[in-house]
Amino acid sequence: MSPTELLLSALTGVLTISTSAFGWWLISLHNRHEKLRADHEDLRVRVADEYCRRVDLRDMMDDMKQDIHQAIAALREDMRAGMGRAHAGR
C-alpha cells in the first residue's frame, strides 16, 4: 500500500467512527428528548387532575357554605316566628 492509500484508508476509518459516534449521540439525544416529553405529559395530566380535584372540592365547599347559610336563615326565621308568637301570647 502506498502512503496515500494508507492515509485515505485511515481517514475513511476515522470518518466512519466519527459518523457512527455522532449517529449514536443523536439517537441518545432523541431518546432523552422523548423521555422528557413523556414525563412532561405525565406531569401535565397529574397537574390537570389535581386542579380538577381542587375545583371539585371548592365547589363542594361552596355548596356546603350555601346550605349552612340557608339553614341559618331558616333557623332565624323560625326563631323570629316563635318570638312573635311568644310576644303575641302575652
N, C-alpha and C. Protein backbone atom coordinates (compact mmCIF):
# COMPACT_ATOMS: atom_id res chain seq x y z
N MET A 1 0.85 -1.19 0.00
CA MET A 1 0.00 0.00 0.00
C MET A 1 0.88 1.23 0.00
N SER A 2 0.47 2.16 -0.80
CA SER A 2 1.23 3.40 -0.83
C SER A 2 0.84 4.28 0.36
N PRO A 3 1.66 5.25 0.70
CA PRO A 3 1.33 6.14 1.82
C PRO A 3 0.02 6.88 1.61
N THR A 4 -0.29 7.22 0.38
CA THR A 4 -1.54 7.94 0.10
C THR A 4 -2.74 7.04 0.36
N GLU A 5 -2.65 5.79 -0.09
CA GLU A 5 -3.74 4.85 0.15
C GLU A 5 -3.91 4.58 1.64
N LEU A 6 -2.81 4.48 2.34
CA LEU A 6 -2.84 4.26 3.78
C LEU A 6 -3.50 5.44 4.49
N LEU A 7 -3.15 6.64 4.09
CA LEU A 7 -3.74 7.86 4.67
C LEU A 7 -5.23 7.93 4.37
N LEU A 8 -5.62 7.64 3.14
CA LEU A 8 -7.04 7.66 2.78
C LEU A 8 -7.81 6.59 3.55
N SER A 9 -7.21 5.43 3.73
CA SER A 9 -7.86 4.36 4.48
C SER A 9 -8.03 4.77 5.94
N ALA A 10 -7.01 5.40 6.51
CA ALA A 10 -7.09 5.86 7.90
C ALA A 10 -8.15 6.95 8.03
N LEU A 11 -8.19 7.88 7.09
CA LEU A 11 -9.19 8.96 7.13
C LEU A 11 -10.60 8.40 6.98
N THR A 12 -10.75 7.40 6.12
CA THR A 12 -12.06 6.77 5.95
C THR A 12 -12.48 6.09 7.24
N GLY A 13 -11.56 5.42 7.89
CA GLY A 13 -11.86 4.77 9.16
C GLY A 13 -12.24 5.78 10.23
N VAL A 14 -11.48 6.86 10.33
CA VAL A 14 -11.78 7.91 11.32
C VAL A 14 -13.14 8.53 11.01
N LEU A 15 -13.41 8.78 9.75
CA LEU A 15 -14.70 9.37 9.36
C LEU A 15 -15.85 8.42 9.68
N THR A 16 -15.65 7.13 9.46
CA THR A 16 -16.68 6.13 9.76
C THR A 16 -16.94 6.08 11.26
N ILE A 17 -15.90 6.06 12.07
CA ILE A 17 -16.06 6.03 13.52
C ILE A 17 -16.72 7.32 14.00
N SER A 18 -16.28 8.45 13.47
CA SER A 18 -16.87 9.74 13.87
C SER A 18 -18.36 9.81 13.51
N THR A 19 -18.69 9.33 12.31
CA THR A 19 -20.09 9.34 11.88
C THR A 19 -20.92 8.42 12.76
N SER A 20 -20.37 7.26 13.10
CA SER A 20 -21.10 6.33 13.97
C SER A 20 -21.30 6.93 15.36
N ALA A 21 -20.27 7.56 15.90
CA ALA A 21 -20.38 8.19 17.22
C ALA A 21 -21.39 9.33 17.19
N PHE A 22 -21.37 10.12 16.14
CA PHE A 22 -22.31 11.22 16.02
C PHE A 22 -23.75 10.69 15.91
N GLY A 23 -23.93 9.61 15.13
CA GLY A 23 -25.25 8.99 15.00
C GLY A 23 -25.74 8.45 16.33
N TRP A 24 -24.86 7.79 17.08
CA TRP A 24 -25.22 7.26 18.41
C TRP A 24 -25.61 8.41 19.33
N TRP A 25 -24.85 9.51 19.29
CA TRP A 25 -25.15 10.67 20.12
C TRP A 25 -26.52 11.26 19.77
N LEU A 26 -26.82 11.36 18.48
CA LEU A 26 -28.12 11.89 18.06
C LEU A 26 -29.27 10.99 18.51
N ILE A 27 -29.08 9.69 18.41
CA ILE A 27 -30.12 8.75 18.84
C ILE A 27 -30.33 8.85 20.35
N SER A 28 -29.26 8.92 21.13
CA SER A 28 -29.41 9.04 22.58
C SER A 28 -30.05 10.38 22.95
N LEU A 29 -29.71 11.42 22.22
CA LEU A 29 -30.33 12.73 22.46
C LEU A 29 -31.83 12.67 22.16
N HIS A 30 -32.19 12.02 21.08
CA HIS A 30 -33.60 11.87 20.72
C HIS A 30 -34.34 11.05 21.79
N ASN A 31 -33.73 9.99 22.27
CA ASN A 31 -34.36 9.16 23.31
C ASN A 31 -34.57 9.95 24.59
N ARG A 32 -33.57 10.76 24.98
CA ARG A 32 -33.73 11.60 26.17
C ARG A 32 -34.85 12.61 25.97
N HIS A 33 -34.93 13.17 24.78
CA HIS A 33 -35.99 14.14 24.48
C HIS A 33 -37.36 13.47 24.59
N GLU A 34 -37.49 12.28 24.05
CA GLU A 34 -38.77 11.56 24.12
C GLU A 34 -39.15 11.23 25.55
N LYS A 35 -38.17 10.85 26.37
CA LYS A 35 -38.44 10.56 27.78
C LYS A 35 -38.89 11.82 28.51
N LEU A 36 -38.21 12.92 28.26
CA LEU A 36 -38.60 14.19 28.90
C LEU A 36 -39.99 14.61 28.45
N ARG A 37 -40.29 14.41 27.18
CA ARG A 37 -41.61 14.76 26.67
C ARG A 37 -42.69 13.90 27.33
N ALA A 38 -42.42 12.61 27.48
CA ALA A 38 -43.38 11.72 28.14
C ALA A 38 -43.55 12.10 29.61
N ASP A 39 -42.44 12.41 30.29
CA ASP A 39 -42.52 12.84 31.69
C ASP A 39 -43.32 14.14 31.81
N HIS A 40 -43.10 15.05 30.88
CA HIS A 40 -43.83 16.32 30.91
C HIS A 40 -45.32 16.09 30.69
N GLU A 41 -45.66 15.20 29.79
CA GLU A 41 -47.07 14.89 29.53
C GLU A 41 -47.71 14.27 30.77
N ASP A 42 -46.98 13.36 31.42
CA ASP A 42 -47.49 12.74 32.65
C ASP A 42 -47.69 13.79 33.73
N LEU A 43 -46.74 14.68 33.87
CA LEU A 43 -46.85 15.75 34.87
C LEU A 43 -48.02 16.67 34.55
N ARG A 44 -48.21 16.99 33.27
CA ARG A 44 -49.31 17.86 32.86
C ARG A 44 -50.65 17.22 33.21
N VAL A 45 -50.76 15.92 32.98
CA VAL A 45 -52.00 15.20 33.29
C VAL A 45 -52.25 15.19 34.79
N ARG A 46 -51.19 14.94 35.58
CA ARG A 46 -51.35 14.93 37.04
C ARG A 46 -51.74 16.31 37.57
N VAL A 47 -51.15 17.37 37.03
CA VAL A 47 -51.49 18.72 37.46
C VAL A 47 -52.94 19.03 37.09
N ALA A 48 -53.37 18.63 35.91
CA ALA A 48 -54.75 18.87 35.50
C ALA A 48 -55.72 18.11 36.40
N ASP A 49 -55.38 16.87 36.75
CA ASP A 49 -56.23 16.09 37.66
C ASP A 49 -56.32 16.75 39.03
N GLU A 50 -55.18 17.21 39.53
CA GLU A 50 -55.16 17.87 40.85
C GLU A 50 -55.98 19.16 40.81
N TYR A 51 -55.86 19.90 39.71
CA TYR A 51 -56.64 21.13 39.57
C TYR A 51 -58.13 20.81 39.56
N CYS A 52 -58.52 19.77 38.83
CA CYS A 52 -59.93 19.39 38.78
C CYS A 52 -60.43 18.96 40.15
N ARG A 53 -59.59 18.20 40.88
CA ARG A 53 -59.98 17.80 42.24
C ARG A 53 -60.16 19.01 43.13
N ARG A 54 -59.28 19.98 43.02
CA ARG A 54 -59.39 21.19 43.85
C ARG A 54 -60.63 22.00 43.47
N VAL A 55 -60.91 22.07 42.18
CA VAL A 55 -62.11 22.79 41.74
C VAL A 55 -63.35 22.08 42.27
N ASP A 56 -63.36 20.74 42.19
CA ASP A 56 -64.50 19.97 42.71
C ASP A 56 -64.64 20.18 44.21
N LEU A 57 -63.52 20.16 44.94
CA LEU A 57 -63.56 20.38 46.38
C LEU A 57 -64.04 21.79 46.69
N ARG A 58 -63.57 22.77 45.92
CA ARG A 58 -64.00 24.16 46.11
C ARG A 58 -65.50 24.29 45.85
N ASP A 59 -65.99 23.64 44.81
CA ASP A 59 -67.43 23.67 44.52
C ASP A 59 -68.23 23.02 45.64
N MET A 60 -67.71 21.88 46.16
CA MET A 60 -68.40 21.20 47.25
C MET A 60 -68.44 22.09 48.49
N MET A 61 -67.32 22.77 48.78
CA MET A 61 -67.28 23.66 49.95
C MET A 61 -68.25 24.83 49.75
N ASP A 62 -68.32 25.38 48.55
CA ASP A 62 -69.26 26.47 48.28
C ASP A 62 -70.70 26.00 48.48
N ASP A 63 -71.00 24.79 48.01
CA ASP A 63 -72.35 24.24 48.20
C ASP A 63 -72.66 24.05 49.68
N MET A 64 -71.66 23.56 50.43
CA MET A 64 -71.88 23.37 51.87
C MET A 64 -72.10 24.71 52.57
N LYS A 65 -71.33 25.73 52.19
CA LYS A 65 -71.50 27.06 52.78
C LYS A 65 -72.89 27.59 52.48
N GLN A 66 -73.32 27.40 51.23
CA GLN A 66 -74.65 27.87 50.85
C GLN A 66 -75.72 27.14 51.65
N ASP A 67 -75.58 25.83 51.82
CA ASP A 67 -76.54 25.06 52.62
C ASP A 67 -76.55 25.52 54.07
N ILE A 68 -75.38 25.79 54.63
CA ILE A 68 -75.30 26.26 56.02
C ILE A 68 -75.97 27.62 56.16
N HIS A 69 -75.71 28.52 55.21
CA HIS A 69 -76.35 29.85 55.27
C HIS A 69 -77.86 29.74 55.15
N GLN A 70 -78.33 28.83 54.31
CA GLN A 70 -79.78 28.63 54.18
C GLN A 70 -80.36 28.06 55.47
N ALA A 71 -79.63 27.12 56.10
CA ALA A 71 -80.11 26.55 57.36
C ALA A 71 -80.15 27.62 58.45
N ILE A 72 -79.13 28.47 58.50
CA ILE A 72 -79.10 29.55 59.50
C ILE A 72 -80.24 30.52 59.26
N ALA A 73 -80.47 30.86 58.00
CA ALA A 73 -81.57 31.78 57.68
C ALA A 73 -82.91 31.16 58.08
N ALA A 74 -83.09 29.86 57.83
CA ALA A 74 -84.34 29.19 58.21
C ALA A 74 -84.49 29.17 59.73
N LEU A 75 -83.41 28.93 60.46
CA LEU A 75 -83.47 28.96 61.93
C LEU A 75 -83.81 30.35 62.45
N ARG A 76 -83.25 31.37 61.83
CA ARG A 76 -83.58 32.75 62.23
C ARG A 76 -85.06 33.02 62.03
N GLU A 77 -85.57 32.59 60.88
CA GLU A 77 -87.00 32.82 60.61
C GLU A 77 -87.86 32.06 61.63
N ASP A 78 -87.46 30.82 61.95
CA ASP A 78 -88.20 30.04 62.96
C ASP A 78 -88.14 30.73 64.32
N MET A 79 -86.97 31.25 64.67
CA MET A 79 -86.83 31.93 65.96
C MET A 79 -87.68 33.21 65.98
N ARG A 80 -87.65 33.96 64.89
CA ARG A 80 -88.46 35.18 64.82
C ARG A 80 -89.95 34.86 64.91
N ALA A 81 -90.34 33.79 64.20
CA ALA A 81 -91.75 33.39 64.24
C ALA A 81 -92.12 32.94 65.65
N GLY A 82 -91.24 32.17 66.28
CA GLY A 82 -91.50 31.71 67.65
C GLY A 82 -91.54 32.87 68.63
N MET A 83 -90.65 33.84 68.47
CA MET A 83 -90.64 35.02 69.35
C MET A 83 -91.88 35.86 69.13
N GLY A 84 -92.30 35.96 67.85
CA GLY A 84 -93.51 36.72 67.53
C GLY A 84 -94.74 36.08 68.18
N ARG A 85 -94.81 34.76 68.17
CA ARG A 85 -95.94 34.06 68.79
C ARG A 85 -95.87 34.21 70.32
N ALA A 86 -94.64 34.18 70.84
CA ALA A 86 -94.48 34.30 72.31
C ALA A 86 -94.91 35.69 72.76
N HIS A 87 -94.54 36.73 72.00
CA HIS A 87 -94.95 38.09 72.37
C HIS A 87 -96.44 38.31 72.13
N ALA A 88 -96.99 37.65 71.14
CA ALA A 88 -98.41 37.80 70.86
C ALA A 88 -99.25 37.11 71.93
N GLY A 89 -98.69 36.06 72.55
CA GLY A 89 -99.41 35.30 73.55
C GLY A 89 -99.43 36.00 74.90
N ARG A 90 -98.67 37.02 75.14
CA ARG A 90 -98.62 37.70 76.44
C ARG A 90 -99.75 38.63 76.65
